[in-house]
Amino acid sequence: MSELEIRKTIEINASPEVIFRALSIQEEITQWFPDQAILEPKVGGKIKFTFFSKGAKPVDRDFFPEGEIIEFVPNKKLSYTWTPQDIPDFPRTIVTWSLEQIGQNKTRVTMIHSGFTGKPHELFKEHSYGWDYFANRLAEYCKKK
């Protein structure tokens, strides 16, 4: 069985510190990503995101991914498991954010969502579309900081 991953790389006009805060502080995460967030900023910390349907893509139904932080390197890397509680048989996947400073106040952000198994399917496509949308929201949010 093959494993698929979603990979998004963007350059953001912001420092790694600004971006890492946007990825790891509950009050900032909800400014660009889920409607509600619980994130314990440490290895072994729990994550729980709540996305409420607005009746349109990228979230056309309520969505409740949960997981555990498996890597937490301030201003460089954040990785957590991602298991939507409302989708039966969803594989245990991992979301990893890597930050690389590439200039003064400019950072390359690479997001990899790995662990999808089998052939590309609707859930894979939905997540890929959603990550495009939210990567752009992250960039816009961090530019304003």
Protein backbone atom coordinates (compact mmCIF):
# COMPACT_ATOMS: atom_id res chain seq x y z
CA MET A 1 0.00 0.00 0.00
CA SER A 2 1.48 3.34 -1.00
CA GLU A 3 1.70 6.38 1.24
CA LEU A 4 0.76 9.82 -0.01
CA GLU A 5 1.68 13.22 1.33
CA ILE A 6 0.55 16.77 0.80
CA ARG A 7 3.43 19.25 0.58
CA LYS A 8 3.01 23.03 0.52
CA THR A 9 5.93 25.46 0.45
CA ILE A 10 5.41 29.19 0.73
CA GLU A 11 7.61 32.19 1.42
CA ILE A 12 6.25 34.64 3.98
CA ASN A 13 7.47 38.17 4.64
CA ALA A 14 7.78 37.60 8.38
CA SER A 15 10.36 36.24 10.81
CA PRO A 16 10.37 32.59 11.92
CA GLU A 17 9.44 33.83 15.42
CA VAL A 18 6.25 35.51 14.16
CA ILE A 19 5.26 32.47 12.11
CA PHE A 20 6.00 29.98 14.89
CA ARG A 21 3.80 31.96 17.28
CA ALA A 22 1.01 31.87 14.67
CA LEU A 23 1.40 28.08 14.50
CA SER A 24 1.74 27.33 18.21
CA ILE A 25 -0.20 29.86 20.32
CA GLN A 26 -3.91 29.10 20.62
CA GLU A 27 -5.04 32.73 20.43
CA GLU A 28 -3.06 33.26 17.23
CA ILE A 29 -3.95 29.96 15.54
CA THR A 30 -7.64 30.88 15.57
CA GLN A 31 -6.90 34.09 13.67
CA TRP A 32 -6.10 32.15 10.49
CA PHE A 33 -6.85 28.42 10.95
CA PRO A 34 -9.57 26.73 13.07
CA ASP A 35 -12.49 28.43 14.78
CA GLN A 36 -11.38 26.99 18.13
CA ALA A 37 -8.01 25.55 19.17
CA ILE A 38 -6.44 23.70 22.03
CA LEU A 39 -2.70 23.31 21.66
CA GLU A 40 -0.36 22.41 24.51
CA PRO A 41 3.01 23.77 23.25
CA LYS A 42 5.33 20.87 24.18
CA VAL A 43 6.22 17.39 22.99
CA GLY A 44 3.39 15.14 24.14
CA GLY A 45 1.00 18.10 24.27
CA LYS A 46 -2.51 17.62 22.95
CA ILE A 47 -4.03 19.42 19.99
CA LYS A 48 -7.70 19.72 19.24
CA PHE A 49 -9.05 21.93 16.49
CA THR A 50 -12.65 22.76 15.72
CA PHE A 51 -13.70 23.99 12.29
CA PHE A 52 -17.33 25.04 11.92
CA SER A 53 -18.95 24.74 8.52
CA LYS A 54 -19.64 28.01 6.83
CA GLY A 55 -21.47 26.14 4.08
CA ALA A 56 -18.60 26.53 1.61
CA LYS A 57 -15.17 25.13 0.94
CA PRO A 58 -12.64 24.59 2.34
CA VAL A 59 -14.73 23.43 5.31
CA ASP A 60 -18.16 22.40 4.08
CA ARG A 61 -18.97 20.41 7.24
CA ASP A 62 -18.01 20.67 10.90
CA PHE A 63 -14.57 19.11 11.37
CA PHE A 64 -12.75 18.05 14.57
CA PRO A 65 -9.13 16.89 14.15
CA GLU A 66 -7.21 15.89 17.28
CA GLY A 67 -3.67 14.76 17.91
CA GLU A 68 -0.49 14.97 19.90
CA ILE A 69 2.61 17.09 19.39
CA ILE A 70 5.54 14.87 18.44
CA GLU A 71 8.12 17.58 17.67
CA PHE A 72 8.34 21.10 19.08
CA VAL A 73 11.44 23.13 18.17
CA PRO A 74 10.70 26.84 18.71
CA ASN A 75 10.97 28.96 15.56
CA LYS A 76 12.03 25.93 13.47
CA LYS A 77 9.63 22.96 13.53
CA LEU A 78 6.23 21.85 14.80
CA SER A 79 4.86 18.39 14.13
CA TYR A 80 1.68 16.72 15.37
CA THR A 81 -0.54 13.76 14.65
CA TRP A 82 -3.83 14.55 12.89
CA THR A 83 -6.87 12.33 13.35
CA PRO A 84 -10.32 13.75 12.55
CA GLN A 85 -12.70 12.33 15.14
CA ASP A 86 -15.68 12.62 12.82
CA ILE A 87 -14.27 10.61 9.89
CA PRO A 88 -14.31 6.81 10.33
CA ASP A 89 -11.24 4.88 9.10
CA PHE A 90 -9.17 8.06 8.63
CA PRO A 91 -5.49 6.99 8.78
CA ARG A 92 -3.20 8.35 11.51
CA THR A 93 -1.52 11.19 9.66
CA ILE A 94 1.16 13.69 10.66
CA VAL A 95 1.29 17.42 9.98
CA THR A 96 4.78 18.96 10.04
CA TRP A 97 5.60 22.66 9.74
CA SER A 98 9.26 23.51 9.04
CA LEU A 99 10.54 27.10 9.08
CA GLU A 100 13.71 28.32 7.39
CA GLN A 101 14.82 31.93 7.51
CA ILE A 102 15.87 32.89 3.97
CA GLY A 103 16.41 36.62 4.37
CA GLN A 104 15.86 39.48 6.70
CA ASN A 105 12.22 39.17 7.75
CA LYS A 106 11.55 36.41 5.18
CA THR A 107 10.85 32.76 5.95
CA ARG A 108 10.29 29.65 3.84
CA VAL A 109 7.51 27.57 5.37
CA THR A 110 7.10 23.94 4.35
CA MET A 111 4.01 22.07 5.50
CA ILE A 112 3.90 18.31 4.96
CA HIS A 113 0.79 16.29 5.79
CA SER A 114 1.89 12.66 5.52
CA GLY A 115 0.44 9.24 6.17
CA PHE A 116 -2.41 9.07 3.68
CA THR A 117 -2.55 5.49 2.46
CA GLY A 118 -3.79 3.90 -0.72
CA LYS A 119 -4.59 5.73 -3.91
CA PRO A 120 -5.54 9.43 -3.92
CA HIS A 121 -9.07 9.71 -2.63
CA GLU A 122 -11.56 12.41 -1.75
CA LEU A 123 -10.21 13.00 1.77
CA PHE A 124 -6.70 13.49 0.37
CA LYS A 125 -8.04 15.96 -2.22
CA GLU A 126 -10.12 17.81 0.39
CA HIS A 127 -7.11 18.17 2.69
CA SER A 128 -4.86 19.33 -0.16
CA TYR A 129 -7.40 22.00 -1.11
CA GLY A 130 -7.78 23.03 2.54
CA TRP A 131 -4.02 23.34 3.07
CA ASP A 132 -3.76 25.63 0.02
CA TYR A 133 -6.43 27.85 1.51
CA PHE A 134 -4.99 27.90 5.04
CA ALA A 135 -1.35 28.36 3.92
CA ASN A 136 -2.46 31.54 2.16
CA ARG A 137 -4.32 32.68 5.30
CA LEU A 138 -1.20 32.01 7.40
CA ALA A 139 0.90 34.13 5.03
CA GLU A 140 -1.61 37.00 5.10
CA TYR A 141 -1.92 36.87 8.89
CA CYS A 142 1.85 36.85 9.49
CA LYS A 143 2.53 39.71 7.06
CA LYS A 144 0.31 41.94 9.21
CA LYS A 145 2.20 41.16 12.44
